[in-house]
Amino acid sequence: MPSPEPPPWLSQDAIATAGRLLEGHRLAFGRPLLAGVAVERSPLQAAQELFVAATVVLAHDGGADPRLIYANRAALVLWRRSWGAMVGLPSRLTAEPAERQSRALALERARRCQALEGYGGIRIDSGGRRFRIENARLWTLRESGGRPCGQAAAFGRWWWLEPPRSGSPPPLA
């Protein structure tokens, strides 16, 4: 009997991306992204721990119109999207049009400096509900040879700027 397919956040690509996220954060900020996690964990265990972390973690590729390549469960719940709806989405669509320029400027600053701490901004979930993020960290993702291949963001502080809209779907589990 064939084994069931792993969830998409445990695909080989997602496991490799999780490793780049964790290592990139450590190099950029001199501390682990996930506090208290065993250093000797396997890549699979690291990917599982990153996916279930309470900190929101996202990453996009290095394309001209970057697309999300990773979103952990906290990000999926906050943006009210499934993995399939979030991964592949142009990352600019995580912010409403009025906020995209300031977002792009922060990403460019983080790209030039390799990392940035203390970023804040307004984002929008899949139903149009606005929320503010604060004290986000942005950093460059690198391939194993050191070439930049995208950017990542992590934050633990956010709040809604408006009440839920009537008829809004509940957050994803």
Protein backbone atom coordinates (compact mmCIF):
# COMPACT_ATOMS: atom_id res chain seq x y z
CA MET A 1 0.00 0.00 0.00
CA PRO A 2 1.53 3.36 -0.99
CA SER A 3 2.20 5.89 1.74
CA PRO A 4 0.05 8.99 1.78
CA GLU A 5 1.49 12.20 0.36
CA PRO A 6 3.00 14.46 3.01
CA PRO A 7 1.34 17.82 3.60
CA PRO A 8 2.74 20.51 1.29
CA TRP A 9 4.73 22.18 4.07
CA LEU A 10 6.66 18.91 4.43
CA SER A 11 7.50 18.48 0.73
CA GLN A 12 11.20 18.29 -0.09
CA ASP A 13 11.13 21.88 -1.42
CA ALA A 14 9.37 23.18 1.70
CA ILE A 15 11.82 21.35 3.98
CA ALA A 16 14.73 22.93 2.09
CA THR A 17 13.06 26.36 2.31
CA ALA A 18 12.52 25.92 6.05
CA GLY A 19 16.23 25.17 6.42
CA ARG A 20 17.14 28.34 4.47
CA LEU A 21 14.73 30.36 6.62
CA LEU A 22 16.18 29.10 9.89
CA GLU A 23 19.82 29.39 8.83
CA GLY A 24 19.31 32.78 7.17
CA HIS A 25 17.71 34.21 10.30
CA ARG A 26 20.55 32.93 12.47
CA LEU A 27 23.16 34.46 10.16
CA ALA A 28 21.28 37.77 9.78
CA PHE A 29 20.43 38.35 13.43
CA GLY A 30 22.89 36.19 15.37
CA ARG A 31 20.11 34.27 17.10
CA PRO A 32 17.75 31.44 16.21
CA LEU A 33 14.34 32.10 14.72
CA LEU A 34 12.86 29.45 17.03
CA ALA A 35 14.09 29.77 20.60
CA GLY A 36 14.61 26.62 22.64
CA VAL A 37 14.68 24.22 19.68
CA ALA A 38 17.35 21.54 19.62
CA VAL A 39 20.21 22.41 17.26
CA GLU A 40 20.72 18.78 16.28
CA ARG A 41 17.18 18.32 14.97
CA SER A 42 16.64 16.75 11.56
CA PRO A 43 15.57 18.89 8.58
CA LEU A 44 12.12 17.26 8.75
CA GLN A 45 11.76 18.06 12.47
CA ALA A 46 12.96 21.64 11.86
CA ALA A 47 10.36 22.09 9.08
CA GLN A 48 7.61 20.73 11.35
CA GLU A 49 8.61 23.03 14.22
CA LEU A 50 8.78 26.07 11.94
CA PHE A 51 5.36 25.33 10.48
CA VAL A 52 3.67 25.13 13.90
CA ALA A 53 5.55 28.06 15.48
CA ALA A 54 3.46 30.86 17.00
CA THR A 55 5.62 33.47 15.23
CA VAL A 56 4.31 34.39 11.78
CA VAL A 57 6.88 33.42 9.13
CA LEU A 58 6.63 34.10 5.38
CA ALA A 59 9.08 34.03 2.48
CA HIS A 60 9.03 35.03 -1.16
CA ASP A 61 11.29 34.23 -4.08
CA GLY A 62 13.66 36.68 -5.73
CA GLY A 63 11.61 37.29 -8.88
CA ALA A 64 10.67 40.66 -10.38
CA ASP A 65 7.16 40.29 -8.89
CA PRO A 66 8.06 38.03 -5.94
CA ARG A 67 5.73 35.15 -5.13
CA LEU A 68 5.34 33.58 -1.73
CA ILE A 69 7.26 30.33 -1.39
CA TYR A 70 6.53 29.68 2.30
CA ALA A 71 3.95 30.51 4.95
CA ASN A 72 3.75 28.77 8.29
CA ARG A 73 0.45 27.93 10.00
CA ALA A 74 0.40 31.22 11.95
CA ALA A 75 0.65 33.12 8.63
CA LEU A 76 -2.04 30.98 6.99
CA VAL A 77 -4.44 31.59 9.88
CA LEU A 78 -3.72 35.34 9.96
CA TRP A 79 -4.21 35.82 6.22
CA ARG A 80 -7.07 33.28 6.21
CA ARG A 81 -5.69 31.29 3.30
CA SER A 82 -4.80 27.67 2.70
CA TRP A 83 -1.24 26.69 1.80
CA GLY A 84 -2.32 26.29 -1.83
CA ALA A 85 -3.88 29.77 -1.91
CA MET A 86 -0.99 31.48 -0.10
CA VAL A 87 2.09 29.84 -1.63
CA GLY A 88 2.43 31.14 -5.16
CA LEU A 89 0.55 34.37 -4.41
CA PRO A 90 2.39 37.56 -5.43
CA SER A 91 3.66 38.75 -2.06
CA ARG A 92 2.61 42.36 -2.77
CA LEU A 93 -1.01 41.18 -2.43
CA THR A 94 -0.50 40.64 1.31
CA ALA A 95 -0.75 44.44 1.62
CA GLU A 96 -3.49 46.70 0.35
CA PRO A 97 -2.61 48.97 -2.62
CA ALA A 98 -2.03 52.08 -0.47
CA GLU A 99 0.61 50.21 1.59
CA ARG A 100 2.54 48.50 -1.21
CA GLN A 101 5.01 51.32 -1.85
CA SER A 102 6.16 51.55 1.79
CA ARG A 103 6.35 47.73 1.90
CA ALA A 104 8.50 47.69 -1.25
CA LEU A 105 10.83 50.34 0.20
CA ALA A 106 11.32 48.31 3.40
CA LEU A 107 12.04 45.16 1.39
CA GLU A 108 14.58 47.06 -0.71
CA ARG A 109 16.25 48.45 2.41
CA ALA A 110 16.39 44.93 3.89
CA ARG A 111 17.84 43.60 0.62
CA ARG A 112 20.59 46.24 0.62
CA CYS A 113 21.43 45.65 4.31
CA GLN A 114 20.79 41.87 4.20
CA ALA A 115 18.45 42.23 7.19
CA LEU A 116 16.18 44.72 8.92
CA GLU A 117 14.59 44.74 12.37
CA GLY A 118 11.70 46.78 13.72
CA TYR A 119 9.60 46.98 10.55
CA GLY A 120 5.89 47.74 10.87
CA GLY A 121 3.07 48.18 8.41
CA ILE A 122 -0.54 47.53 7.48
CA ARG A 123 -1.52 44.23 5.86
CA ILE A 124 -4.78 42.80 4.60
CA ASP A 125 -6.22 39.31 4.94
CA SER A 126 -7.97 37.35 2.20
CA GLY A 127 -11.33 38.90 3.10
CA GLY A 128 -10.05 42.50 3.05
CA ARG A 129 -9.71 42.93 6.82
CA ARG A 130 -6.79 45.18 7.74
CA PHE A 131 -4.24 44.48 10.47
CA ARG A 132 -1.04 46.10 11.65
CA ILE A 133 2.22 44.22 12.09
CA GLU A 134 4.94 45.54 14.36
CA ASN A 135 8.58 44.80 15.07
CA ALA A 136 8.96 42.47 12.08
CA ARG A 137 12.33 41.12 11.03
CA LEU A 138 13.17 40.93 7.31
CA TRP A 139 16.17 39.03 5.94
CA THR A 140 17.71 37.68 2.76
CA LEU A 141 17.32 34.01 1.87
CA ARG A 142 20.33 32.35 0.28
CA GLU A 143 20.91 29.18 -1.69
CA SER A 144 23.50 26.73 -0.39
CA GLY A 145 26.19 28.49 -2.48
CA GLY A 146 25.37 31.83 -0.85
CA ARG A 147 23.51 33.42 -3.79
CA PRO A 148 20.41 35.42 -2.72
CA CYS A 149 17.19 33.63 -3.66
CA GLY A 150 14.47 35.61 -1.86
CA GLN A 151 13.49 37.32 1.34
CA ALA A 152 11.76 36.29 4.54
CA ALA A 153 9.80 38.01 7.27
CA ALA A 154 8.88 37.03 10.81
CA PHE A 155 6.81 38.83 13.43
CA GLY A 156 4.95 38.05 16.60
CA ARG A 157 3.09 41.33 17.18
CA TRP A 158 0.04 42.24 15.18
CA TRP A 159 -3.53 43.44 15.77
CA TRP A 160 -6.73 44.00 13.82
CA LEU A 161 -7.54 47.56 12.78
CA GLU A 162 -11.24 46.91 12.25
CA PRO A 163 -13.87 44.45 13.42
CA PRO A 164 -14.63 41.36 11.35
CA ARG A 165 -16.85 41.96 8.36
CA SER A 166 -20.25 40.30 8.44
CA GLY A 167 -20.25 37.13 6.44
CA SER A 168 -16.47 36.79 6.73
CA PRO A 169 -15.33 33.19 6.69
CA PRO A 170 -13.76 31.97 9.94
CA PRO A 171 -9.98 31.75 10.13
CA LEU A 172 -8.41 28.54 8.82
CA ALA A 173 -7.46 25.95 11.38
